[in-house]
Amino acid sequence: QNDASDVDTGKLIAVSYSDIKVEVDEWQPRENG
């Protein structure tokens, strides 16, 4: 919401993401999936 306020006032113009990589460190399963 702070970033959205910056967009409204013209301070923030563009935001995007790339090269997203995820590594599972620990999985703790429970019942029913």
Full PDB file with SEQRES, HELIX, SHEET, SSBOND, CRYST1, ORIGX, SCALE, CONECT and MASTER records, all heavy atoms in Angstrom:
SEQRES   1 A   33  GLN ASN ASP ALA SER ASP VAL ASP THR GLY LYS LEU ILE          
SEQRES   2 A   33  ALA VAL SER TYR SER ASP ILE LYS VAL GLU VAL ASP GLU          
SEQRES   3 A   33  TRP GLN PRO ARG GLU ASN GLY                                  
HELIX    1 AA1 ASN A    2  ASP A    8  1                                   7    
CRYST1    1.000    1.000    1.000  90.00  90.00  90.00 P 1           1          
ORIGX1      1.000000  0.000000  0.000000        0.00000                         
ORIGX2      0.000000  1.000000  0.000000        0.00000                         
ORIGX3      0.000000  0.000000  1.000000        0.00000                         
SCALE1      1.000000  0.000000  0.000000        0.00000                         
SCALE2      0.000000  1.000000  0.000000        0.00000                         
SCALE3      0.000000  0.000000  1.000000        0.00000                         
ATOM      1  N   GLN A   1       0.826  -1.208   0.000  1.00  0.00           N  
ATOM      2  CA  GLN A   1       0.000   0.000   0.000  1.00  0.00           C  
ATOM      3  C   GLN A   1       0.862   1.260   0.000  1.00  0.00           C  
ATOM      4  O   GLN A   1       0.493   2.271  -0.615  1.00  0.00           O  
ATOM      5  CB  GLN A   1      -0.939  -0.012   1.202  1.00  0.00           C  
ATOM      6  CG  GLN A   1      -2.091  -0.994   1.061  1.00  0.00           C  
ATOM      7  CD  GLN A   1      -2.968  -1.061   2.288  1.00  0.00           C  
ATOM      8  OE1 GLN A   1      -2.515  -0.799   3.398  1.00  0.00           O  
ATOM      9  NE2 GLN A   1      -4.220  -1.437   2.101  1.00  0.00           N  
ATOM     10  N   ASN A   2       2.024   1.218   0.669  1.00  0.00           N  
ATOM     11  CA  ASN A   2       2.950   2.351   0.602  1.00  0.00           C  
ATOM     12  C   ASN A   2       3.435   2.574  -0.825  1.00  0.00           C  
ATOM     13  O   ASN A   2       3.521   3.719  -1.304  1.00  0.00           O  
ATOM     14  CB  ASN A   2       4.140   2.117   1.532  1.00  0.00           C  
ATOM     15  CG  ASN A   2       3.764   2.187   2.998  1.00  0.00           C  
ATOM     16  OD1 ASN A   2       2.758   2.793   3.360  1.00  0.00           O  
ATOM     17  ND2 ASN A   2       4.565   1.566   3.844  1.00  0.00           N  
ATOM     18  N   ASP A   3       3.750   1.460  -1.521  1.00  0.00           N  
ATOM     19  CA  ASP A   3       4.160   1.572  -2.918  1.00  0.00           C  
ATOM     20  C   ASP A   3       3.023   2.111  -3.779  1.00  0.00           C  
ATOM     21  O   ASP A   3       3.245   2.913  -4.696  1.00  0.00           O  
ATOM     22  CB  ASP A   3       4.616   0.211  -3.448  1.00  0.00           C  
ATOM     23  CG  ASP A   3       5.987  -0.190  -2.937  1.00  0.00           C  
ATOM     24  OD1 ASP A   3       6.693   0.684  -2.391  1.00  0.00           O  
ATOM     25  OD2 ASP A   3       6.361  -1.370  -3.087  1.00  0.00           O  
ATOM     26  N   ALA A   4       1.793   1.674  -3.489  1.00  0.00           N  
ATOM     27  CA  ALA A   4       0.651   2.165  -4.247  1.00  0.00           C  
ATOM     28  C   ALA A   4       0.475   3.672  -4.060  1.00  0.00           C  
ATOM     29  O   ALA A   4       0.099   4.387  -5.003  1.00  0.00           O  
ATOM     30  CB  ALA A   4      -0.611   1.424  -3.833  1.00  0.00           C  
ATOM     31  N   SER A   5       0.751   4.175  -2.856  1.00  0.00           N  
ATOM     32  CA  SER A   5       0.684   5.621  -2.616  1.00  0.00           C  
ATOM     33  C   SER A   5       1.732   6.352  -3.443  1.00  0.00           C  
ATOM     34  O   SER A   5       1.472   7.441  -3.969  1.00  0.00           O  
ATOM     35  CB  SER A   5       0.888   5.916  -1.127  1.00  0.00           C  
ATOM     36  OG  SER A   5      -0.162   5.356  -0.353  1.00  0.00           O  
ATOM     37  N   ASP A   6       2.924   5.754  -3.572  1.00  0.00           N  
ATOM     38  CA  ASP A   6       3.960   6.356  -4.410  1.00  0.00           C  
ATOM     39  C   ASP A   6       3.546   6.377  -5.880  1.00  0.00           C  
ATOM     40  O   ASP A   6       3.882   7.302  -6.619  1.00  0.00           O  
ATOM     41  CB  ASP A   6       5.276   5.597  -4.243  1.00  0.00           C  
ATOM     42  CG  ASP A   6       5.964   5.896  -2.916  1.00  0.00           C  
ATOM     43  OD1 ASP A   6       5.529   6.841  -2.218  1.00  0.00           O  
ATOM     44  OD2 ASP A   6       6.922   5.185  -2.569  1.00  0.00           O  
ATOM     45  N   VAL A   7       2.816   5.342  -6.310  1.00  0.00           N  
ATOM     46  CA  VAL A   7       2.299   5.329  -7.685  1.00  0.00           C  
ATOM     47  C   VAL A   7       1.307   6.472  -7.873  1.00  0.00           C  
ATOM     48  O   VAL A   7       1.338   7.208  -8.876  1.00  0.00           O  
ATOM     49  CB  VAL A   7       1.632   3.974  -8.008  1.00  0.00           C  
ATOM     50  CG1 VAL A   7       0.935   4.023  -9.369  1.00  0.00           C  
ATOM     51  CG2 VAL A   7       2.666   2.857  -8.000  1.00  0.00           C  
ATOM     52  N   ASP A   8       0.424   6.659  -6.907  1.00  0.00           N  
ATOM     53  CA  ASP A   8      -0.600   7.704  -7.008  1.00  0.00           C  
ATOM     54  C   ASP A   8       0.011   9.102  -7.089  1.00  0.00           C  
ATOM     55  O   ASP A   8      -0.550   9.988  -7.750  1.00  0.00           O  
ATOM     56  CB  ASP A   8      -1.550   7.632  -5.809  1.00  0.00           C  
ATOM     57  CG  ASP A   8      -2.399   6.371  -5.807  1.00  0.00           C  
ATOM     58  OD1 ASP A   8      -2.534   5.748  -6.875  1.00  0.00           O  
ATOM     59  OD2 ASP A   8      -2.913   6.002  -4.728  1.00  0.00           O  
ATOM     60  N   THR A   9       1.136   9.300  -6.434  1.00  0.00           N  
ATOM     61  CA  THR A   9       1.785  10.614  -6.440  1.00  0.00           C  
ATOM     62  C   THR A   9       2.823  10.757  -7.544  1.00  0.00           C  
ATOM     63  O   THR A   9       3.498  11.789  -7.624  1.00  0.00           O  
ATOM     64  CB  THR A   9       2.444  10.888  -5.077  1.00  0.00           C  
ATOM     65  OG1 THR A   9       3.398   9.847  -4.787  1.00  0.00           O  
ATOM     66  CG2 THR A   9       1.394  10.929  -3.974  1.00  0.00           C  
ATOM     67  N   GLY A  10       2.962   9.725  -8.374  1.00  0.00           N  
ATOM     68  CA  GLY A  10       3.890   9.795  -9.493  1.00  0.00           C  
ATOM     69  C   GLY A  10       5.335   9.499  -9.153  1.00  0.00           C  
ATOM     70  O   GLY A  10       6.211   9.613 -10.014  1.00  0.00           O  
ATOM     71  N   LYS A  11       5.592   9.080  -7.911  1.00  0.00           N  
ATOM     72  CA  LYS A  11       6.972   8.790  -7.515  1.00  0.00           C  
ATOM     73  C   LYS A  11       7.447   7.434  -8.026  1.00  0.00           C  
ATOM     74  O   LYS A  11       8.642   7.241  -8.258  1.00  0.00           O  
ATOM     75  CB  LYS A  11       7.094   8.823  -5.990  1.00  0.00           C  
ATOM     76  CG  LYS A  11       6.793  10.179  -5.366  1.00  0.00           C  
ATOM     77  CD  LYS A  11       6.866  10.109  -3.847  1.00  0.00           C  
ATOM     78  CE  LYS A  11       6.505  11.432  -3.204  1.00  0.00           C  
ATOM     79  NZ  LYS A  11       6.530  11.341  -1.714  1.00  0.00           N  
ATOM     80  N   LEU A  12       6.546   6.478  -8.157  1.00  0.00           N  
ATOM     81  CA  LEU A  12       6.885   5.128  -8.603  1.00  0.00           C  
ATOM     82  C   LEU A  12       6.215   4.892  -9.949  1.00  0.00           C  
ATOM     83  O   LEU A  12       4.993   5.051 -10.079  1.00  0.00           O  
ATOM     84  CB  LEU A  12       6.415   4.095  -7.573  1.00  0.00           C  
ATOM     85  CG  LEU A  12       6.734   2.628  -7.852  1.00  0.00           C  
ATOM     86  CD1 LEU A  12       8.230   2.403  -7.982  1.00  0.00           C  
ATOM     87  CD2 LEU A  12       6.163   1.738  -6.735  1.00  0.00           C  
ATOM     88  N   ILE A  13       6.999   4.473 -10.921  1.00  0.00           N  
ATOM     89  CA  ILE A  13       6.494   4.389 -12.297  1.00  0.00           C  
ATOM     90  C   ILE A  13       6.345   2.948 -12.773  1.00  0.00           C  
ATOM     91  O   ILE A  13       5.379   2.611 -13.461  1.00  0.00           O  
ATOM     92  CB  ILE A  13       7.433   5.165 -13.247  1.00  0.00           C  
ATOM     93  CG1 ILE A  13       7.464   6.649 -12.824  1.00  0.00           C  
ATOM     94  CG2 ILE A  13       6.995   5.022 -14.702  1.00  0.00           C  
ATOM     95  CD1 ILE A  13       8.530   7.456 -13.522  1.00  0.00           C  
ATOM     96  N   ALA A  14       7.289   2.078 -12.428  1.00  0.00           N  
ATOM     97  CA  ALA A  14       7.234   0.695 -12.920  1.00  0.00           C  
ATOM     98  C   ALA A  14       7.833  -0.249 -11.898  1.00  0.00           C  
ATOM     99  O   ALA A  14       8.827   0.069 -11.241  1.00  0.00           O  
ATOM    100  CB  ALA A  14       7.976   0.571 -14.240  1.00  0.00           C  
ATOM    101  N   VAL A  15       7.214  -1.445 -11.764  1.00  0.00           N  
ATOM    102  CA  VAL A  15       7.729  -2.512 -10.911  1.00  0.00           C  
ATOM    103  C   VAL A  15       7.438  -3.841 -11.600  1.00  0.00           C  
ATOM    104  O   VAL A  15       6.304  -4.098 -12.011  1.00  0.00           O  
ATOM    105  CB  VAL A  15       7.068  -2.534  -9.511  1.00  0.00           C  
ATOM    106  CG1 VAL A  15       7.622  -3.705  -8.685  1.00  0.00           C  
ATOM    107  CG2 VAL A  15       7.276  -1.225  -8.785  1.00  0.00           C  
ATOM    108  N   SER A  16       8.474  -4.666 -11.756  1.00  0.00           N  
ATOM    109  CA  SER A  16       8.282  -6.011 -12.296  1.00  0.00           C  
ATOM    110  C   SER A  16       9.331  -6.937 -11.707  1.00  0.00           C  
ATOM    111  O   SER A  16      10.296  -6.480 -11.076  1.00  0.00           O  
ATOM    112  CB  SER A  16       8.368  -6.006 -13.828  1.00  0.00           C  
ATOM    113  OG  SER A  16       9.657  -5.581 -14.250  1.00  0.00           O  
ATOM    114  N   TYR A  17       9.147  -8.257 -11.920  1.00  0.00           N  
ATOM    115  CA  TYR A  17      10.043  -9.252 -11.351  1.00  0.00           C  
ATOM    116  C   TYR A  17      10.448 -10.249 -12.432  1.00  0.00           C  
ATOM    117  O   TYR A  17       9.687 -10.521 -13.369  1.00  0.00           O  
ATOM    118  CB  TYR A  17       9.365  -9.998 -10.197  1.00  0.00           C  
ATOM    119  CG  TYR A  17       9.060  -9.115  -9.010  1.00  0.00           C  
ATOM    120  CD1 TYR A  17       7.877  -8.377  -8.957  1.00  0.00           C  
ATOM    121  CD2 TYR A  17       9.935  -9.015  -7.943  1.00  0.00           C  
ATOM    122  CE1 TYR A  17       7.590  -7.569  -7.874  1.00  0.00           C  
ATOM    123  CE2 TYR A  17       9.659  -8.208  -6.856  1.00  0.00           C  
ATOM    124  CZ  TYR A  17       8.483  -7.478  -6.829  1.00  0.00           C  
ATOM    125  OH  TYR A  17       8.201  -6.669  -5.753  1.00  0.00           O  
ATOM    126  N   SER A  18      11.641 -10.801 -12.278  1.00  0.00           N  
ATOM    127  CA  SER A  18      12.108 -11.832 -13.217  1.00  0.00           C  
ATOM    128  C   SER A  18      13.036 -12.791 -12.487  1.00  0.00           C  
ATOM    129  O   SER A  18      13.423 -12.556 -11.331  1.00  0.00           O  
ATOM    130  CB  SER A  18      12.838 -11.187 -14.396  1.00  0.00           C  
ATOM    131  OG  SER A  18      14.049 -10.567 -13.973  1.00  0.00           O  
ATOM    132  N   ASP A  19      13.387 -13.882 -13.173  1.00  0.00           N  
ATOM    133  CA  ASP A  19      14.351 -14.868 -12.646  1.00  0.00           C  
ATOM    134  C   ASP A  19      13.955 -15.365 -11.251  1.00  0.00           C  
ATOM    135  O   ASP A  19      14.774 -15.434 -10.329  1.00  0.00           O  
ATOM    136  CB  ASP A  19      15.762 -14.286 -12.606  1.00  0.00           C  
ATOM    137  CG  ASP A  19      16.240 -13.837 -13.971  1.00  0.00           C  
ATOM    138  OD1 ASP A  19      16.082 -14.619 -14.925  1.00  0.00           O  
ATOM    139  OD2 ASP A  19      16.724 -12.704 -14.097  1.00  0.00           O  
ATOM    140  N   ILE A  20      12.686 -15.724 -11.113  1.00  0.00           N  
ATOM    141  CA  ILE A  20      12.179 -16.213  -9.825  1.00  0.00           C  
ATOM    142  C   ILE A  20      12.567 -17.680  -9.667  1.00  0.00           C  
ATOM    143  O   ILE A  20      12.222 -18.521 -10.490  1.00  0.00           O  
ATOM    144  CB  ILE A  20      10.651 -16.054  -9.748  1.00  0.00           C  
ATOM    145  CG1 ILE A  20      10.268 -14.576  -9.916  1.00  0.00           C  
ATOM    146  CG2 ILE A  20      10.113 -16.614  -8.438  1.00  0.00           C  
ATOM    147  CD1 ILE A  20       8.799 -14.364 -10.201  1.00  0.00           C  
ATOM    148  N   LYS A  21      13.315 -17.971  -8.626  1.00  0.00           N  
ATOM    149  CA  LYS A  21      13.744 -19.344  -8.346  1.00  0.00           C  
ATOM    150  C   LYS A  21      13.353 -19.701  -6.916  1.00  0.00           C  
ATOM    151  O   LYS A  21      13.559 -18.920  -5.990  1.00  0.00           O  
ATOM    152  CB  LYS A  21      15.250 -19.498  -8.549  1.00  0.00           C  
ATOM    153  CG  LYS A  21      15.713 -19.271  -9.983  1.00  0.00           C  
ATOM    154  CD  LYS A  21      17.214 -19.462 -10.112  1.00  0.00           C  
ATOM    155  CE  LYS A  21      17.680 -19.342 -11.556  1.00  0.00           C  
ATOM    156  NZ  LYS A  21      17.387 -17.996 -12.124  1.00  0.00           N  
ATOM    157  N   VAL A  22      12.806 -20.903  -6.751  1.00  0.00           N  
ATOM    158  CA  VAL A  22      12.308 -21.344  -5.442  1.00  0.00           C  
ATOM    159  C   VAL A  22      12.955 -22.668  -5.083  1.00  0.00           C  
ATOM    160  O   VAL A  22      12.997 -23.593  -5.896  1.00  0.00           O  
ATOM    161  CB  VAL A  22      10.777 -21.501  -5.462  1.00  0.00           C  
ATOM    162  CG1 VAL A  22      10.275 -21.895  -4.076  1.00  0.00           C  
ATOM    163  CG2 VAL A  22      10.094 -20.221  -5.937  1.00  0.00           C  
ATOM    164  N   GLU A  23      13.446 -22.764  -3.857  1.00  0.00           N  
ATOM    165  CA  GLU A  23      14.019 -24.014  -3.352  1.00  0.00           C  
ATOM    166  C   GLU A  23      13.277 -24.421  -2.088  1.00  0.00           C  
ATOM    167  O   GLU A  23      13.165 -23.635  -1.137  1.00  0.00           O  
ATOM    168  CB  GLU A  23      15.507 -23.832  -3.036  1.00  0.00           C  
ATOM    169  CG  GLU A  23      16.171 -25.106  -2.528  1.00  0.00           C  
ATOM    170  CD  GLU A  23      17.655 -24.938  -2.278  1.00  0.00           C  
ATOM    171  OE1 GLU A  23      18.221 -23.921  -2.719  1.00  0.00           O  
ATOM    172  OE2 GLU A  23      18.236 -25.823  -1.627  1.00  0.00           O  
ATOM    173  N   VAL A  24      12.760 -25.628  -2.075  1.00  0.00           N  
ATOM    174  CA  VAL A  24      12.051 -26.143  -0.903  1.00  0.00           C  
ATOM    175  C   VAL A  24      13.079 -26.595   0.130  1.00  0.00           C  
ATOM    176  O   VAL A  24      13.870 -27.509  -0.119  1.00  0.00           O  
ATOM    177  CB  VAL A  24      11.119 -27.303  -1.292  1.00  0.00           C  
ATOM    178  CG1 VAL A  24      10.490 -27.925  -0.041  1.00  0.00           C  
ATOM    179  CG2 VAL A  24      10.040 -26.818  -2.249  1.00  0.00           C  
ATOM    180  N   ASP A  25      13.066 -25.943   1.289  1.00  0.00           N  
ATOM    181  CA  ASP A  25      13.994 -26.293   2.362  1.00  0.00           C  
ATOM    182  C   ASP A  25      13.456 -27.418   3.249  1.00  0.00           C  
ATOM    183  O   ASP A  25      14.199 -28.283   3.690  1.00  0.00           O  
ATOM    184  CB  ASP A  25      14.278 -25.059   3.233  1.00  0.00           C  
ATOM    185  CG  ASP A  25      14.911 -23.923   2.439  1.00  0.00           C  
ATOM    186  OD1 ASP A  25      15.729 -24.210   1.552  1.00  0.00           O  
ATOM    187  OD2 ASP A  25      14.567 -22.754   2.707  1.00  0.00           O  
ATOM    188  N   GLU A  26      12.149 -27.382   3.514  1.00  0.00           N  
ATOM    189  CA  GLU A  26      11.547 -28.385   4.403  1.00  0.00           C  
ATOM    190  C   GLU A  26      10.057 -28.498   4.106  1.00  0.00           C  
ATOM    191  O   GLU A  26       9.363 -27.479   3.994  1.00  0.00           O  
ATOM    192  CB  GLU A  26      11.749 -27.990   5.868  1.00  0.00           C  
ATOM    193  CG  GLU A  26      11.222 -29.005   6.861  1.00  0.00           C  
ATOM    194  CD  GLU A  26      11.423 -28.570   8.305  1.00  0.00           C  
ATOM    195  OE1 GLU A  26      12.055 -27.507   8.533  1.00  0.00           O  
ATOM    196  OE2 GLU A  26      10.941 -29.297   9.205  1.00  0.00           O  
ATOM    197  N   TRP A  27       9.561 -29.720   3.977  1.00  0.00           N  
ATOM    198  CA  TRP A  27       8.137 -29.979   3.772  1.00  0.00           C  
ATOM    199  C   TRP A  27       7.628 -30.810   4.940  1.00  0.00           C  
ATOM    200  O   TRP A  27       8.174 -31.865   5.253  1.00  0.00           O  
ATOM    201  CB  TRP A  27       7.922 -30.693   2.441  1.00  0.00           C  
ATOM    202  CG  TRP A  27       6.590 -31.370   2.266  1.00  0.00           C  
ATOM    203  CD1 TRP A  27       6.375 -32.706   2.058  1.00  0.00           C  
ATOM    204  CD2 TRP A  27       5.293 -30.759   2.265  1.00  0.00           C  
ATOM    205  NE1 TRP A  27       5.030 -32.964   1.923  1.00  0.00           N  
ATOM    206  CE2 TRP A  27       4.333 -31.784   2.049  1.00  0.00           C  
ATOM    207  CE3 TRP A  27       4.839 -29.450   2.424  1.00  0.00           C  
ATOM    208  CZ2 TRP A  27       2.963 -31.535   1.993  1.00  0.00           C  
ATOM    209  CZ3 TRP A  27       3.471 -29.203   2.371  1.00  0.00           C  
ATOM    210  CH2 TRP A  27       2.555 -30.234   2.146  1.00  0.00           C  
ATOM    211  N   GLN A  28       6.594 -30.306   5.616  1.00  0.00           N  
ATOM    212  CA  GLN A  28       6.006 -30.991   6.762  1.00  0.00           C  
ATOM    213  C   GLN A  28       4.572 -31.374   6.398  1.00  0.00           C  
ATOM    214  O   GLN A  28       3.645 -30.570   6.568  1.00  0.00           O  
ATOM    215  CB  GLN A  28       6.023 -30.082   7.991  1.00  0.00           C  
ATOM    216  CG  GLN A  28       7.420 -29.626   8.398  1.00  0.00           C  
ATOM    217  CD  GLN A  28       7.389 -28.547   9.482  1.00  0.00           C  
ATOM    218  OE1 GLN A  28       6.343 -28.004   9.813  1.00  0.00           O  
ATOM    219  NE2 GLN A  28       8.546 -28.245  10.048  1.00  0.00           N  
ATOM    220  N   PRO A  29       4.348 -32.580   5.878  1.00  0.00           N  
ATOM    221  CA  PRO A  29       2.991 -32.965   5.446  1.00  0.00           C  
ATOM    222  C   PRO A  29       2.070 -33.200   6.630  1.00  0.00           C  
ATOM    223  O   PRO A  29       2.496 -33.584   7.723  1.00  0.00           O  
ATOM    224  CB  PRO A  29       3.231 -34.251   4.660  1.00  0.00           C  
ATOM    225  CG  PRO A  29       4.489 -34.814   5.227  1.00  0.00           C  
ATOM    226  CD  PRO A  29       5.336 -33.640   5.630  1.00  0.00           C  
ATOM    227  N   ARG A  30       0.784 -32.935   6.399  1.00  0.00           N  
ATOM    228  CA  ARG A  30      -0.253 -33.241   7.376  1.00  0.00           C  
ATOM    229  C   ARG A  30      -1.298 -34.123   6.700  1.00  0.00           C  
ATOM    230  O   ARG A  30      -1.156 -34.502   5.534  1.00  0.00           O  
ATOM    231  CB  ARG A  30      -0.896 -31.953   7.911  1.00  0.00           C  
ATOM    232  CG  ARG A  30       0.036 -31.088   8.741  1.00  0.00           C  
ATOM    233  CD  ARG A  30      -0.746 -30.055   9.549  1.00  0.00           C  
ATOM    234  NE  ARG A  30      -1.513 -29.167   8.709  1.00  0.00           N  
ATOM    235  CZ  ARG A  30      -1.057 -28.039   8.198  1.00  0.00           C  
ATOM    236  NH1 ARG A  30       0.193 -27.663   8.431  1.00  0.00           N  
ATOM    237  NH2 ARG A  30      -1.830 -27.277   7.449  1.00  0.00           N  
ATOM    238  N   GLU A  31      -2.352 -34.423   7.422  1.00  0.00           N  
ATOM    239  CA  GLU A  31      -3.403 -35.279   6.900  1.00  0.00           C  
ATOM    240  C   GLU A  31      -4.140 -34.575   5.770  1.00  0.00           C  
ATOM    241  O   GLU A  31      -4.127 -33.364   5.651  1.00  0.00           O  
ATOM    242  CB  GLU A  31      -4.374 -35.672   8.020  1.00  0.00           C  
ATOM    243  CG  GLU A  31      -5.248 -34.544   8.549  1.00  0.00           C  
ATOM    244  CD  GLU A  31      -4.531 -33.579   9.466  1.00  0.00           C  
ATOM    245  OE1 GLU A  31      -3.363 -33.857   9.825  1.00  0.00           O  
ATOM    246  OE2 GLU A  31      -5.134 -32.548   9.813  1.00  0.00           O  
ATOM    247  N   ASN A  32      -4.752 -35.384   4.915  1.00  0.00           N  
ATOM    248  CA  ASN A  32      -5.607 -34.880   3.831  1.00  0.00           C  
ATOM    249  C   ASN A  32      -4.866 -34.006   2.828  1.00  0.00           C  
ATOM    250  O   ASN A  32      -5.454 -33.143   2.184  1.00  0.00           O  
ATOM    251  CB  ASN A  32      -6.793 -34.091   4.400  1.00  0.00           C  
ATOM    252  CG  ASN A  32      -7.655 -34.927   5.310  1.00  0.00           C  
ATOM    253  OD1 ASN A  32      -7.804 -36.132   5.088  1.00  0.00           O  
ATOM    254  ND2 ASN A  32      -8.194 -34.330   6.349  1.00  0.00           N  
ATOM    255  N   GLY A  33      -3.556 -34.196   2.720  1.00  0.00           N  
ATOM    256  CA  GLY A  33      -2.808 -33.458   1.715  1.00  0.00           C  
ATOM    257  C   GLY A  33      -2.350 -32.086   2.143  1.00  0.00           C  
ATOM    258  O   GLY A  33      -1.698 -31.381   1.369  1.00  0.00           O  
TER     259      GLY A  33                                                      
MASTER        0    0    0    1    0    0    0    6  258    1    0    3          
END                                                                             
